Protein backbone atom coordinates (compact mmCIF):
# COMPACT_ATOMS: atom_id res chain seq x y z
CA MET A 1 0.53 57.36 40.94
CA THR A 2 -0.50 57.67 37.69
CA GLU A 3 1.87 59.48 34.83
CA GLU A 4 0.28 61.96 33.08
CA LYS A 5 1.58 64.29 30.11
CA GLN A 6 0.11 67.22 28.49
CA ILE A 7 0.25 67.43 24.63
CA GLU A 8 -0.72 70.19 22.58
CA GLY A 9 -1.48 70.02 18.50
CA LYS A 10 -4.09 71.63 15.83
CA ILE A 11 -7.04 70.41 14.50
CA ILE A 12 -6.67 69.13 11.53
CA SER A 13 -9.12 67.25 8.64
CA GLY A 14 -8.54 63.15 8.00
CA LYS A 15 -9.31 60.63 5.31
CA GLY A 16 -12.62 59.24 6.81
CA GLU A 17 -10.94 55.91 6.38
CA ALA A 18 -11.68 54.69 10.14
CA TYR A 19 -15.35 54.92 9.24
CA VAL A 20 -15.42 51.13 8.32
CA PHE A 21 -13.07 49.93 10.56
CA LEU A 22 -14.36 51.20 13.67
CA GLN A 23 -17.79 49.73 13.22
CA LEU A 24 -16.34 45.94 13.07
CA ASP A 25 -17.87 44.02 16.02
CA TRP A 26 -13.91 42.62 17.23
CA VAL A 27 -12.94 46.49 16.85
CA LYS A 28 -15.69 47.65 19.27
CA GLU A 29 -15.46 44.76 21.92
CA GLN A 30 -11.68 45.06 21.95
CA PHE A 31 -12.27 48.81 22.56
CA LEU A 32 -14.76 47.86 25.29
CA GLU A 33 -12.74 46.18 27.04
CA LYS A 34 -8.84 48.04 27.12
CA SER A 35 -10.62 51.64 26.94
CA GLY A 36 -13.47 51.30 28.80
CA PHE A 37 -15.76 52.56 25.62
CA ILE A 38 -17.58 51.87 22.42
CA PRO A 39 -16.27 53.91 19.91
CA PHE A 40 -17.75 56.83 17.73
CA PRO A 41 -16.95 55.47 13.87
CA GLY A 42 -14.83 57.97 13.11
CA THR A 43 -11.32 59.57 14.36
CA LEU A 44 -10.10 63.64 15.35
CA ASN A 45 -7.27 64.16 13.81
CA LEU A 46 -4.25 66.19 15.96
CA LYS A 47 -0.80 67.41 14.04
CA VAL A 48 1.48 67.86 16.98
CA GLU A 49 5.42 68.25 17.46
CA ALA A 50 7.09 65.30 15.73
CA GLY A 51 9.22 65.28 19.04
CA ASP A 52 5.66 64.67 21.54
CA PHE A 53 4.47 61.76 18.73
CA ASP A 54 7.28 59.84 18.79
CA PHE A 55 7.23 60.13 22.62
CA LEU A 56 3.89 58.59 22.38
CA ARG A 57 4.53 56.20 19.71
CA ARG A 58 6.89 54.62 21.76
CA LEU A 59 4.97 55.02 24.92
CA ALA A 60 2.19 52.69 23.11
CA PHE A 61 4.39 49.88 21.38
CA SER A 62 5.82 49.59 24.51
CA ARG A 63 3.44 49.50 26.98
CA GLY A 64 0.39 50.62 24.99
CA GLY A 65 -3.41 47.88 24.82
CA ARG A 66 -3.35 45.64 22.22
CA LEU A 67 -6.11 45.48 19.54
CA ILE A 68 -5.58 42.35 18.02
CA PRO A 69 -7.72 41.24 14.52
CA PRO A 70 -9.07 38.18 15.05
CA PRO A 71 -7.71 34.63 12.82
CA GLY A 72 -7.96 35.34 9.21
CA GLU A 73 -8.56 39.19 9.49
CA GLU A 74 -6.15 40.88 7.31
CA LEU A 75 -6.24 43.96 9.00
CA CYS A 76 -3.21 45.47 10.87
CA GLU A 77 -2.80 45.15 14.64
CA GLY A 78 -3.21 48.48 16.65
CA ARG A 79 -1.98 50.13 19.68
CA LEU A 80 -4.74 52.02 21.93
CA LEU A 81 -2.28 54.92 24.57
CA PRO A 82 -5.40 56.19 27.13
CA VAL A 83 -6.13 60.22 26.69
CA ARG A 84 -8.44 62.44 28.13
CA VAL A 85 -9.84 65.24 25.72
CA GLY A 86 -12.22 68.12 27.20
CA GLY A 87 -12.61 65.85 30.38
CA ILE A 88 -13.72 62.69 27.72
CA MET A 89 -11.96 59.86 28.46
CA ALA A 90 -10.41 58.70 24.68
CA ALA A 91 -7.96 56.86 23.05
CA ALA A 92 -4.99 57.54 20.62
CA VAL A 93 -4.51 55.31 17.90
CA PHE A 94 -1.12 53.94 16.64
CA PRO A 95 -1.59 50.93 13.55
CA MET A 96 1.29 48.64 13.18
CA VAL A 97 2.48 49.73 10.24
CA ASP A 98 5.88 50.86 9.29
CA ASP A 99 4.61 53.56 7.28
CA TYR A 100 2.38 55.43 9.37
CA TYR A 101 2.23 59.45 10.17
CA SER A 102 4.79 60.66 12.20
CA ASP A 103 3.27 63.72 13.72
CA ILE A 104 -0.52 63.36 13.09
CA LEU A 105 -2.51 61.62 16.39
CA GLU A 106 -5.62 59.87 15.36
CA LEU A 107 -8.04 60.26 18.39
CA VAL A 108 -10.72 57.88 19.17
CA ALA A 109 -13.61 58.52 21.58
CA PRO A 110 -16.78 57.66 22.59
CA VAL A 111 -18.48 60.65 20.57
CA LYS A 112 -17.96 62.80 17.64
CA LEU A 113 -15.19 64.54 19.68
CA ARG A 114 -15.20 67.68 16.67
CA GLN A 115 -19.14 68.21 16.92
CA HIS A 116 -18.91 67.27 21.14
CA LEU A 117 -16.10 70.28 21.13
CA GLY A 118 -16.83 72.66 18.87
CA LEU A 119 -14.24 72.13 17.04
CA ARG A 120 -12.81 73.36 13.28
CA ASP A 121 -9.66 72.71 11.64
CA ASN A 122 -6.71 74.55 12.64
CA ASN A 123 -8.40 75.05 16.47
CA PRO A 124 -5.70 74.11 18.71
CA LEU A 125 -6.07 71.36 21.29
CA GLN A 126 -4.99 70.11 24.73
CA LEU A 127 -5.47 66.50 25.49
CA THR A 128 -3.85 64.59 28.62
CA VAL A 129 -2.18 61.35 27.89
CA VAL A 130 -2.60 58.91 30.80
CA PHE A 131 0.47 56.44 30.93
CA PRO A 132 -0.49 52.97 30.91
CA PRO A 133 0.62 50.81 33.94
CA LYS A 134 4.14 49.13 33.67
CA PHE A 135 4.68 45.41 33.31
CA PRO A 136 5.65 43.50 35.83
CA PHE A 137 9.09 43.16 36.90
CA PRO A 138 10.30 39.96 35.26
CA GLN A 139 12.08 36.74 37.51
CA GLY A 140 13.81 36.27 34.42
CA ILE A 141 15.10 37.05 30.98
CA ILE A 142 16.36 35.34 27.88
CA PHE A 143 18.28 37.45 25.50
CA ASP A 144 18.63 36.83 21.69
CA LEU A 145 22.29 38.62 20.64
CA ASP A 146 22.46 38.93 16.96
CA GLY A 147 20.42 42.11 16.58
CA THR A 148 19.11 42.70 19.86
CA LEU A 149 22.45 42.80 22.10
CA ILE A 150 25.19 42.83 19.32
CA ASP A 151 24.79 45.15 16.21
CA SER A 152 25.49 42.87 13.60
CA VAL A 153 22.51 42.19 11.40
CA GLY A 154 23.64 45.02 8.98
CA HIS A 155 27.16 44.14 9.11
CA TYR A 156 26.05 40.60 7.94
CA TYR A 157 23.92 41.64 5.09
CA ASP A 158 27.27 43.65 3.97
CA ILE A 159 29.14 39.97 3.90
CA PHE A 160 26.25 38.21 1.48
CA CYS A 161 26.72 41.54 -0.89
CA VAL A 162 30.74 41.01 -0.91
CA GLY A 163 29.89 37.21 -1.12
CA CYS A 164 27.73 38.02 -4.18
CA ARG A 165 29.94 40.45 -5.96
CA GLU A 166 32.63 37.90 -5.48
CA ALA A 167 30.43 35.22 -7.06
CA GLY A 168 29.15 37.66 -9.66
CA LEU A 169 25.55 37.41 -8.55
CA PRO A 170 23.28 40.20 -8.64
CA LEU A 171 23.30 42.27 -4.84
CA PRO A 172 20.53 41.28 -2.58
CA GLN A 173 18.04 43.79 -1.31
CA ARG A 174 18.50 44.11 2.43
CA GLU A 175 14.98 43.41 2.99
CA GLU A 176 15.02 40.06 1.43
CA VAL A 177 17.92 39.27 3.64
CA LEU A 178 16.53 40.50 6.85
CA ASP A 179 13.17 38.73 5.52
CA TYR A 180 15.30 35.46 5.89
CA MET A 181 17.18 36.24 8.87
CA GLY A 182 13.82 37.01 10.67
CA LYS A 183 12.56 33.51 9.69
CA GLY A 184 15.60 32.24 11.54
CA PHE A 185 17.55 30.99 8.68
CA GLY A 186 21.12 30.59 9.56
CA TYR A 187 24.16 31.94 7.18
CA TRP A 188 24.23 29.06 4.46
CA GLU A 189 20.43 28.83 4.60
CA ILE A 190 20.32 31.90 3.22
CA TRP A 191 22.86 31.97 0.68
CA GLU A 192 21.41 28.59 -0.95
CA LYS A 193 17.98 30.95 -1.34
CA LEU A 194 20.40 33.61 -3.02
CA LEU A 195 21.47 31.04 -5.57
CA PRO A 196 19.78 31.84 -8.71
CA ALA A 197 17.30 28.92 -9.33
CA GLY A 198 18.46 28.14 -13.34
CA ASN A 199 22.24 27.67 -12.38
CA SER A 200 23.57 24.11 -12.88
CA GLU A 201 24.38 22.25 -9.70
CA THR A 202 28.13 22.52 -11.07
CA GLN A 203 27.66 26.43 -11.29
CA LYS A 204 26.28 26.44 -7.67
CA GLU A 205 28.87 24.20 -6.06
CA GLU A 206 31.63 26.93 -7.73
CA GLN A 207 29.58 29.73 -6.11
CA ARG A 208 29.22 28.06 -2.80
CA LYS A 209 33.24 27.71 -2.58
CA ILE A 210 34.00 31.27 -3.57
CA PHE A 211 31.55 32.53 -0.78
CA ALA A 212 32.88 30.04 1.80
CA ASP A 213 36.63 31.63 0.56
CA THR A 214 35.14 34.99 0.91
CA LEU A 215 33.47 34.69 3.96
CA LYS A 216 37.50 33.13 5.60
CA GLU A 217 39.15 36.47 4.00
CA ILE A 218 36.29 38.50 5.42
CA TRP A 219 36.70 37.40 9.21
CA ARG A 220 40.35 36.92 8.80
CA SER A 221 40.97 40.52 7.60
CA GLY A 222 39.29 41.65 11.31
CA TYR A 223 35.83 42.06 9.71
CA ASP A 224 34.47 41.03 13.33
CA GLN A 225 35.90 44.23 14.87
CA LYS A 226 33.16 46.13 13.26
CA ILE A 227 30.70 44.42 15.33
CA SER A 228 29.45 46.01 19.00
CA PHE A 229 27.16 45.26 21.35
CA PHE A 230 24.65 48.34 21.35
CA PRO A 231 24.81 51.28 23.26
CA GLY A 232 24.23 50.78 27.13
CA VAL A 233 24.35 46.80 27.00
CA ALA A 234 26.97 46.39 29.85
CA GLY A 235 25.31 48.47 31.89
CA LEU A 236 22.04 46.94 31.30
CA LEU A 237 23.41 43.63 32.16
CA SER A 238 24.90 45.02 35.40
CA ARG A 239 21.73 46.45 36.33
CA LEU A 240 19.68 43.69 36.28
CA GLN A 241 22.32 41.28 37.65
CA GLU A 242 22.42 43.64 40.70
CA SER A 243 18.11 43.31 40.90
CA ARG A 244 18.83 39.44 40.81
CA VAL A 245 16.91 38.75 37.46
CA LYS A 246 17.97 35.23 36.12
CA MET A 247 19.41 35.94 32.43
CA GLY A 248 20.00 33.71 29.79
CA VAL A 249 21.00 33.32 25.90
CA VAL A 250 19.18 31.63 23.19
CA THR A 251 20.84 32.68 19.69
CA SER A 252 21.16 30.93 16.63
CA SER A 253 25.14 31.54 16.44
CA SER A 254 27.52 29.01 17.32
CA TYR A 255 28.66 29.21 21.03
CA ALA A 256 32.03 29.46 19.91
CA ASN A 257 32.10 32.88 17.93
CA LYS A 258 30.03 34.34 20.93
CA ILE A 259 31.47 33.29 23.95
CA LYS A 260 35.09 34.90 21.73
CA PHE A 261 33.35 37.84 21.24
CA PHE A 262 32.14 38.95 24.83
CA LYS A 263 35.55 38.23 25.79
CA GLU A 264 37.03 40.35 23.02
CA LYS A 265 34.63 43.38 24.21
CA GLY A 266 35.89 42.88 27.91
CA LEU A 267 32.73 41.08 29.43
CA ASN A 268 32.26 37.56 30.70
CA PRO A 269 29.11 36.00 29.57
CA ASP A 270 29.43 33.65 32.55
CA GLN A 271 29.08 36.34 34.40
CA PHE A 272 25.27 37.43 33.81
CA PHE A 273 23.98 34.60 32.26
CA SER A 274 22.95 31.32 33.69
CA SER A 275 22.38 29.46 30.58
CA ILE A 276 23.39 29.77 27.14
CA ILE A 277 21.99 27.62 24.38
CA ALA A 278 23.49 28.36 20.57
CA ARG A 279 22.83 26.62 17.47
CA GLU A 280 24.42 23.22 18.59
CA HIS A 281 22.86 22.75 21.75
CA THR A 282 19.35 21.68 20.43
CA LYS A 283 17.95 19.73 17.08
CA LYS A 284 15.16 22.41 16.34
CA HIS A 285 15.96 26.08 16.10
CA LYS A 286 13.85 29.38 16.50
CA PRO A 287 11.24 29.60 15.73
CA ASP A 288 10.31 26.22 17.60
CA PRO A 289 10.32 27.03 21.06
CA GLU A 290 12.88 23.99 21.63
CA PRO A 291 15.96 25.85 22.58
CA LEU A 292 13.77 28.52 24.78
CA LEU A 293 12.37 25.43 26.67
CA LEU A 294 15.95 24.48 27.31
CA CYS A 295 17.20 27.83 28.39
CA LEU A 296 13.88 27.56 30.93
CA GLN A 297 14.53 24.46 32.22
CA GLN A 298 18.34 24.84 32.80
CA LEU A 299 17.43 28.73 34.54
CA GLN A 300 14.93 26.75 36.60
CA ILE A 301 12.03 29.64 35.92
CA ALA A 302 8.26 28.84 35.00
CA ALA A 303 8.03 30.38 31.21
CA GLU A 304 5.30 32.93 32.33
CA LYS A 305 7.62 34.72 34.80
CA CYS A 306 10.24 34.86 32.07
CA LEU A 307 10.78 37.30 29.30
CA TYR A 308 12.28 36.47 25.61
CA VAL A 309 13.55 39.83 24.46
CA GLY A 310 14.53 39.53 20.45
CA ASP A 311 15.02 41.20 17.37
CA SER A 312 13.50 39.27 14.93
CA PRO A 313 9.72 37.39 14.01
CA CYS A 314 11.62 34.10 14.73
CA ASP A 315 12.10 35.55 18.14
CA ILE A 316 8.72 36.32 18.86
CA ILE A 317 7.36 33.08 17.32
CA ALA A 318 9.36 31.17 19.59
CA GLY A 319 8.71 32.91 22.85
CA LYS A 320 4.96 32.82 22.39
CA SER A 321 4.99 29.06 21.70
CA ALA A 322 7.20 28.73 25.28
CA GLY A 323 4.34 30.31 26.80
CA MET A 324 6.84 33.95 27.62
CA VAL A 325 6.27 37.52 27.51
CA THR A 326 7.71 38.65 24.50
CA VAL A 327 9.30 41.82 23.93
CA GLY A 328 10.63 42.89 20.05
CA VAL A 329 13.20 45.29 19.47
CA LEU A 330 13.60 47.36 16.26
CA THR A 331 17.11 47.18 15.98
CA GLY A 332 17.87 44.10 14.02
CA ALA A 333 15.94 42.02 11.01
CA GLY A 334 11.83 42.93 12.45
CA THR A 335 9.89 45.91 12.24
CA ARG A 336 6.74 47.13 13.68
CA SER A 337 4.25 45.50 11.58
CA SER A 338 6.76 41.84 11.17
CA LEU A 339 7.36 41.96 15.04
CA SER A 340 3.51 42.83 16.02
CA ARG A 341 2.07 40.16 12.97
CA ALA A 342 4.50 37.65 15.14
CA GLY A 343 2.60 38.51 18.55
CA ALA A 344 5.14 40.39 20.24
CA ASP A 345 3.68 41.53 23.34
CA HIS A 346 6.37 44.81 23.84
CA ILE A 347 8.06 46.57 20.79
CA LEU A 348 10.72 48.62 21.90
CA ASP A 349 13.18 50.96 19.99
CA CYS A 350 16.27 50.07 21.13
CA ILE A 351 17.58 47.25 24.16
CA ASP A 352 18.40 50.69 26.44
CA GLU A 353 14.51 51.27 26.59
CA LEU A 354 13.84 47.60 28.85
CA PRO A 355 14.47 49.20 32.21
CA ASP A 356 11.94 52.03 31.25
CA VAL A 357 8.90 49.88 31.31
CA PHE A 358 9.59 48.05 34.45
CA ASP A 359 7.26 48.10 37.84
CA ARG A 360 9.79 47.37 40.23
CA GLU A 361 7.04 46.80 43.03
CA LYS A 362 5.18 43.77 41.00
CA GLU A 363 6.27 40.55 40.00
CA PHE A 364 5.19 38.64 37.37
CA ARG A 365 2.88 35.60 39.00
């Protein structure tokens, strides 16, 4: 049975910026393929409650149709959510950017909705949101750890700040460090990037030593106790295990550190995961697909029947390169735009939303 939801809002004027975009050939072709119509070159803007907007945004990012720019096109990807307005099939469009509206829906239809329905600014309007199908239930799921199951990315940034302060270096921008993490760089690779290019090798060596000593002191003082699983992780793993989903882990961290973390938090990783691939287990690392391919081999699951869930662009790139369906979560190094550019099939706000997008009656073929 198709799920639907009624949303009410108020008509407002837009900026008229969609006119050129909606006339692009690739946009019209993908609208026809995914929404069943060629769009009129303009949007109807509907101001709605912020809670309604947030719900629809999450639904679009997790299950909406993808409006994918062709190679070389600088425009961002969009997500389409099917709606009905005055008996007309239309779509709400959500650009995959990080500074979009928080309460304004942009509606696209095969006709000029404002004229067709006789609407003016401040007129009330009710629309029906048609929920897209859930995606098939996977035979297997491979998880990244830091930023995906484990709430640690913010703490790692704090460590770099402490290291820079002790070494007399400027504090790094959070976005800069997260960008390096998102590309798959390890601790020392990021630290090398933070060292000033003009310093002599002697200065750099001294700063490396200070960072190494600082890092040891931070962990010796129990800093790792600040790191924890995201809410709902234990329950999620148990539910998936009960559903007989094969699970694995591919992480860029060391095996010993992560096994120790699981056990300190009262979870036995061997109970849930049939394969754990850490940094030392492969020569190449994410975004290369080698660690994921090794994990798939150990799980004995075909790539197309398995999801890879991660928080950073390098996770998504690795998963796509391995031939897997990819799910990005917004709790680590990635953003909506960066995960989208990397090719994420589905984007969730957090890991505990994962079970809500599965169709338990259908499996990946």
